[in-house]
Amino acid sequence: MDDLLTFLHARYEADAHTYADVAYRFGGDALLDSHLPMLDLVDMLVREYEAMDPSDARFPGLGHAVRVLAQSHADHPGYREEWRP
């Protein structure tokens, strides 16, 4: 699971960098209809999963949610089939 979390952090960083470049080039209004808020929420869930005690009753469900969210990057060369929920 650590590899999946590292992968998701890297995707978040790459996407955030892309959005920052768009805002720099075209102004902040270009991001009004973007997926940037969703990226922040995904990153928040990943960080919460990392910090959560495995004995927490929510741990398995959040782990499943992280795997489901990672599927949006299934076409990325670094994505592994074993990460599918």
Protein backbone atom coordinates (compact mmCIF):
# COMPACT_ATOMS: atom_id res chain seq x y z
CA MET A 1 0.00 0.00 0.00
CA ASP A 2 2.95 2.34 0.60
CA ASP A 3 3.78 2.25 -3.11
CA LEU A 4 0.20 3.18 -3.97
CA LEU A 5 0.27 6.11 -1.56
CA THR A 6 3.60 7.30 -3.00
CA PHE A 7 2.12 6.99 -6.49
CA LEU A 8 -0.94 9.04 -5.52
CA HIS A 9 1.18 11.74 -3.90
CA ALA A 10 3.26 11.98 -7.08
CA ARG A 11 0.14 12.24 -9.25
CA TYR A 12 -1.23 14.97 -6.97
CA GLU A 13 2.02 16.92 -7.18
CA ALA A 14 2.12 16.62 -10.97
CA ASP A 15 -1.51 17.68 -11.34
CA ALA A 16 -1.11 20.58 -8.91
CA HIS A 17 1.97 21.73 -10.81
CA THR A 18 0.00 21.65 -14.06
CA TYR A 19 -2.81 23.71 -12.54
CA ALA A 20 -0.29 26.21 -11.16
CA ASP A 21 1.21 26.55 -14.64
CA VAL A 22 -2.24 27.14 -16.15
CA ALA A 23 -3.02 29.80 -13.51
CA TYR A 24 0.33 31.48 -14.16
CA ARG A 25 -0.17 31.54 -17.92
CA PHE A 26 -3.88 32.33 -18.13
CA GLY A 27 -4.82 33.77 -14.74
CA GLY A 28 -6.74 32.33 -11.83
CA ASP A 29 -10.08 32.52 -13.64
CA ALA A 30 -8.89 29.69 -15.90
CA LEU A 31 -9.20 27.35 -12.91
CA LEU A 32 -12.77 28.21 -11.94
CA ASP A 33 -14.20 25.01 -13.45
CA SER A 34 -11.16 22.85 -12.77
CA HIS A 35 -10.75 19.66 -10.78
CA LEU A 36 -8.30 21.32 -8.39
CA PRO A 37 -10.65 21.16 -5.36
CA MET A 38 -11.15 17.44 -6.03
CA LEU A 39 -7.39 16.91 -6.12
CA ASP A 40 -7.10 18.51 -2.71
CA LEU A 41 -9.79 16.23 -1.31
CA VAL A 42 -8.10 13.12 -2.69
CA ASP A 43 -4.78 14.21 -1.20
CA MET A 44 -6.51 14.84 2.13
CA LEU A 45 -7.96 11.30 2.14
CA VAL A 46 -4.58 9.78 1.31
CA ARG A 47 -2.92 11.69 4.14
CA GLU A 48 -5.70 10.69 6.53
CA TYR A 49 -5.22 7.04 5.56
CA GLU A 50 -1.47 7.30 6.18
CA ALA A 51 -2.04 8.77 9.64
CA MET A 52 -4.85 6.41 10.64
CA ASP A 53 -4.24 3.56 13.06
CA PRO A 54 -4.86 0.23 11.27
CA SER A 55 -7.05 -0.85 14.19
CA ASP A 56 -9.49 1.99 13.41
CA ALA A 57 -12.76 0.52 12.11
CA ARG A 58 -12.68 2.97 9.18
CA PHE A 59 -9.22 1.85 8.00
CA PRO A 60 -10.33 -0.91 5.55
CA GLY A 61 -13.03 1.29 4.02
CA LEU A 62 -10.70 4.23 3.54
CA GLY A 63 -8.10 1.90 2.02
CA HIS A 64 -10.71 0.72 -0.48
CA ALA A 65 -11.66 4.32 -1.26
CA VAL A 66 -8.00 5.18 -1.92
CA ARG A 67 -7.75 2.26 -4.36
CA VAL A 68 -10.93 3.37 -6.13
CA LEU A 69 -9.64 6.94 -6.43
CA ALA A 70 -6.32 5.69 -7.78
CA GLN A 71 -8.16 4.07 -10.69
CA SER A 72 -8.47 7.48 -12.29
CA HIS A 73 -4.75 7.11 -13.04
CA ALA A 74 -4.98 3.55 -14.39
CA ASP A 75 -3.65 4.70 -17.77
CA HIS A 76 -0.45 6.05 -16.16
CA PRO A 77 2.59 3.81 -16.77
CA GLY A 78 3.34 3.68 -13.03
CA TYR A 79 -0.09 2.31 -12.10
CA ARG A 80 -0.11 -1.35 -11.01
CA GLU A 81 -2.98 -3.73 -11.64
CA GLU A 82 -2.67 -5.12 -8.08
CA TRP A 83 -3.90 -1.75 -6.80
CA ARG A 84 -7.34 -2.24 -8.31
CA PRO A 85 -10.05 -2.65 -5.67
